[in-house]
Amino acid sequence: MSNILRFTAGTFAACVLLRVFVAEASAETIEVKIDNFTFAPQQITVKAGDTVTWTNGDDIPHTVTSKTQAFRSKAMDTDDKFSFTFATPGSYGYFCSLHPHMTGTVVVEAKTGEK
């Protein structure tokens, strides 16, 4: 009986690990470039679980600051990066706190098959 229990527990653990691996494999990283005082692209659509990475290509500092304070980067120098993983569907407006005219939006959709 103990061999059956070990096999069952081992099989269960393998299934859990496979599910985690598949979930992680399906998440994406989306790049947004900061260049010439703009976020490019200015609006992106991602799935819940995806990560957005902003890279500062300007020669002066910029930030990425959520209008609702859901996320906030430090001042990023040239080639610095900031990443945030979006877990909840919705629309997330953001701006550069050093240059408030710089704005962008991340629209987060539910994962396929989820509501």
C-alpha atoms as a PDB file:
ATOM      1  CA  MET A   1       0.000   0.000   0.000  1.00  0.00           C
ATOM      2  CA  SER A   2       2.840   2.417   0.774  1.00  0.00           C
ATOM      3  CA  ASN A   3       4.198   2.062  -2.795  1.00  0.00           C
ATOM      4  CA  ILE A   4       0.791   3.042  -4.168  1.00  0.00           C
ATOM      5  CA  LEU A   5       0.665   6.060  -1.871  1.00  0.00           C
ATOM      6  CA  ARG A   6       4.183   7.121  -2.892  1.00  0.00           C
ATOM      7  CA  PHE A   7       3.314   6.775  -6.556  1.00  0.00           C
ATOM      8  CA  THR A   8       0.100   8.745  -6.080  1.00  0.00           C
ATOM      9  CA  ALA A   9       1.850  11.500  -4.106  1.00  0.00           C
ATOM     10  CA  GLY A  10       4.669  11.590  -6.662  1.00  0.00           C
ATOM     11  CA  THR A  11       2.223  11.747  -9.543  1.00  0.00           C
ATOM     12  CA  PHE A  12       0.309  14.546  -7.826  1.00  0.00           C
ATOM     13  CA  ALA A  13       3.506  16.535  -7.267  1.00  0.00           C
ATOM     14  CA  ALA A  14       4.518  16.060 -10.900  1.00  0.00           C
ATOM     15  CA  CYS A  15       1.106  17.304 -12.068  1.00  0.00           C
ATOM     16  CA  VAL A  16       1.364  20.388  -9.857  1.00  0.00           C
ATOM     17  CA  LEU A  17       4.858  21.159 -11.171  1.00  0.00           C
ATOM     18  CA  LEU A  18       3.707  20.676 -14.763  1.00  0.00           C
ATOM     19  CA  ARG A  19       0.804  23.062 -14.233  1.00  0.00           C
ATOM     20  CA  VAL A  20       3.138  25.703 -12.763  1.00  0.00           C
ATOM     21  CA  PHE A  21       5.571  25.227 -15.649  1.00  0.00           C
ATOM     22  CA  VAL A  22       2.821  25.586 -18.266  1.00  0.00           C
ATOM     23  CA  ALA A  23       1.434  28.695 -16.547  1.00  0.00           C
ATOM     24  CA  GLU A  24       4.887  30.277 -16.436  1.00  0.00           C
ATOM     25  CA  ALA A  25       5.650  29.275 -20.007  1.00  0.00           C
ATOM     26  CA  SER A  26       2.472  30.937 -21.269  1.00  0.00           C
ATOM     27  CA  ALA A  27       3.275  34.296 -19.629  1.00  0.00           C
ATOM     28  CA  GLU A  28       5.069  36.776 -21.835  1.00  0.00           C
ATOM     29  CA  THR A  29       7.384  39.730 -21.362  1.00  0.00           C
ATOM     30  CA  ILE A  30       6.427  42.771 -23.408  1.00  0.00           C
ATOM     31  CA  GLU A  31       8.938  45.560 -24.073  1.00  0.00           C
ATOM     32  CA  VAL A  32       8.194  49.293 -23.992  1.00  0.00           C
ATOM     33  CA  LYS A  33      10.954  51.660 -25.067  1.00  0.00           C
ATOM     34  CA  ILE A  34      11.396  55.137 -23.642  1.00  0.00           C
ATOM     35  CA  ASP A  35      12.845  57.349 -26.348  1.00  0.00           C
ATOM     36  CA  ASN A  36      12.633  61.033 -27.261  1.00  0.00           C
ATOM     37  CA  PHE A  37      10.309  61.716 -24.298  1.00  0.00           C
ATOM     38  CA  THR A  38       7.751  59.079 -25.353  1.00  0.00           C
ATOM     39  CA  PHE A  39       6.708  55.578 -24.369  1.00  0.00           C
ATOM     40  CA  ALA A  40       6.662  53.352 -27.444  1.00  0.00           C
ATOM     41  CA  PRO A  41       4.255  51.841 -27.964  1.00  0.00           C
ATOM     42  CA  GLN A  42       2.102  54.289 -26.023  1.00  0.00           C
ATOM     43  CA  GLN A  43      -0.685  51.739 -25.475  1.00  0.00           C
ATOM     44  CA  ILE A  44      -0.252  47.983 -25.189  1.00  0.00           C
ATOM     45  CA  THR A  45      -2.598  45.103 -24.502  1.00  0.00           C
ATOM     46  CA  VAL A  46      -1.344  42.152 -22.469  1.00  0.00           C
ATOM     47  CA  LYS A  47      -2.791  39.106 -20.711  1.00  0.00           C
ATOM     48  CA  ALA A  48      -3.010  38.755 -16.931  1.00  0.00           C
ATOM     49  CA  GLY A  49       0.272  37.259 -15.764  1.00  0.00           C
ATOM     50  CA  ASP A  50       2.350  39.009 -18.435  1.00  0.00           C
ATOM     51  CA  THR A  51       5.300  41.216 -17.500  1.00  0.00           C
ATOM     52  CA  VAL A  52       5.951  44.597 -19.078  1.00  0.00           C
ATOM     53  CA  THR A  53       9.553  45.856 -19.147  1.00  0.00           C
ATOM     54  CA  TRP A  54      10.289  49.511 -19.824  1.00  0.00           C
ATOM     55  CA  THR A  55      13.802  50.460 -21.000  1.00  0.00           C
ATOM     56  CA  ASN A  56      15.044  54.061 -20.917  1.00  0.00           C
ATOM     57  CA  GLY A  57      16.748  54.873 -24.209  1.00  0.00           C
ATOM     58  CA  ASP A  58      16.982  58.613 -23.506  1.00  0.00           C
ATOM     59  CA  ASP A  59      20.073  60.277 -22.126  1.00  0.00           C
ATOM     60  CA  ILE A  60      18.103  61.793 -19.225  1.00  0.00           C
ATOM     61  CA  PRO A  61      16.251  60.059 -16.370  1.00  0.00           C
ATOM     62  CA  HIS A  62      12.609  58.969 -16.610  1.00  0.00           C
ATOM     63  CA  THR A  63      10.195  57.073 -14.372  1.00  0.00           C
ATOM     64  CA  VAL A  64       7.249  54.773 -14.941  1.00  0.00           C
ATOM     65  CA  THR A  65       4.514  55.706 -12.473  1.00  0.00           C
ATOM     66  CA  SER A  66       1.007  54.254 -12.336  1.00  0.00           C
ATOM     67  CA  LYS A  67      -1.756  56.856 -12.043  1.00  0.00           C
ATOM     68  CA  THR A  68      -3.234  54.681  -9.253  1.00  0.00           C
ATOM     69  CA  GLN A  69       0.134  53.921  -7.606  1.00  0.00           C
ATOM     70  CA  ALA A  70      -0.159  50.228  -8.563  1.00  0.00           C
ATOM     71  CA  PHE A  71       3.514  50.402  -9.634  1.00  0.00           C
ATOM     72  CA  ARG A  72       6.304  52.968  -9.569  1.00  0.00           C
ATOM     73  CA  SER A  73       9.878  52.833 -10.768  1.00  0.00           C
ATOM     74  CA  LYS A  74      12.848  54.726  -9.435  1.00  0.00           C
ATOM     75  CA  ALA A  75      14.374  57.340 -11.726  1.00  0.00           C
ATOM     76  CA  MET A  76      15.921  55.300 -14.535  1.00  0.00           C
ATOM     77  CA  ASP A  77      19.123  56.424 -16.218  1.00  0.00           C
ATOM     78  CA  THR A  78      20.034  55.512 -19.805  1.00  0.00           C
ATOM     79  CA  ASP A  79      19.551  51.772 -20.483  1.00  0.00           C
ATOM     80  CA  ASP A  80      18.002  51.142 -17.042  1.00  0.00           C
ATOM     81  CA  LYS A  81      14.976  48.850 -16.981  1.00  0.00           C
ATOM     82  CA  PHE A  82      11.860  48.535 -14.864  1.00  0.00           C
ATOM     83  CA  SER A  83       9.504  45.534 -14.963  1.00  0.00           C
ATOM     84  CA  PHE A  84       6.048  44.918 -13.560  1.00  0.00           C
ATOM     85  CA  THR A  85       3.875  41.802 -13.782  1.00  0.00           C
ATOM     86  CA  PHE A  86       0.181  42.531 -14.276  1.00  0.00           C
ATOM     87  CA  ALA A  87      -1.982  40.038 -12.397  1.00  0.00           C
ATOM     88  CA  THR A  88      -5.401  41.718 -12.579  1.00  0.00           C
ATOM     89  CA  PRO A  89      -7.344  42.630 -15.725  1.00  0.00           C
ATOM     90  CA  GLY A  90      -8.056  46.327 -16.209  1.00  0.00           C
ATOM     91  CA  SER A  91      -6.655  49.504 -17.721  1.00  0.00           C
ATOM     92  CA  TYR A  92      -3.518  50.961 -16.141  1.00  0.00           C
ATOM     93  CA  GLY A  93      -2.617  54.519 -17.109  1.00  0.00           C
ATOM     94  CA  TYR A  94       0.928  55.600 -16.315  1.00  0.00           C
ATOM     95  CA  PHE A  95       3.262  58.567 -16.773  1.00  0.00           C
ATOM     96  CA  CYS A  96       6.793  59.795 -16.130  1.00  0.00           C
ATOM     97  CA  SER A  97       6.752  61.655 -12.809  1.00  0.00           C
ATOM     98  CA  LEU A  98       9.688  63.795 -14.013  1.00  0.00           C
ATOM     99  CA  HIS A  99       7.971  64.670 -17.316  1.00  0.00           C
ATOM    100  CA  PRO A 100       4.180  64.320 -16.728  1.00  0.00           C
ATOM    101  CA  HIS A 101       3.340  64.934 -20.403  1.00  0.00           C
ATOM    102  CA  MET A 102       4.805  61.468 -21.100  1.00  0.00           C
ATOM    103  CA  THR A 103       1.904  59.037 -20.744  1.00  0.00           C
ATOM    104  CA  GLY A 104       1.010  55.479 -21.634  1.00  0.00           C
ATOM    105  CA  THR A 105      -1.580  52.792 -20.975  1.00  0.00           C
ATOM    106  CA  VAL A 106      -1.381  49.065 -20.320  1.00  0.00           C
ATOM    107  CA  VAL A 107      -4.657  47.216 -20.954  1.00  0.00           C
ATOM    108  CA  VAL A 108      -4.698  43.847 -19.192  1.00  0.00           C
ATOM    109  CA  GLU A 109      -7.074  41.176 -20.452  1.00  0.00           C
ATOM    110  CA  ALA A 110      -8.023  37.978 -18.652  1.00  0.00           C
ATOM    111  CA  LYS A 111      -6.050  34.894 -19.658  1.00  0.00           C
ATOM    112  CA  THR A 112      -7.710  32.828 -22.353  1.00  0.00           C
ATOM    113  CA  GLY A 113     -10.324  30.614 -20.749  1.00  0.00           C
ATOM    114  CA  GLU A 114     -10.621  32.793 -17.611  1.00  0.00           C
ATOM    115  CA  LYS A 115     -13.226  35.401 -16.762  1.00  0.00           C
END
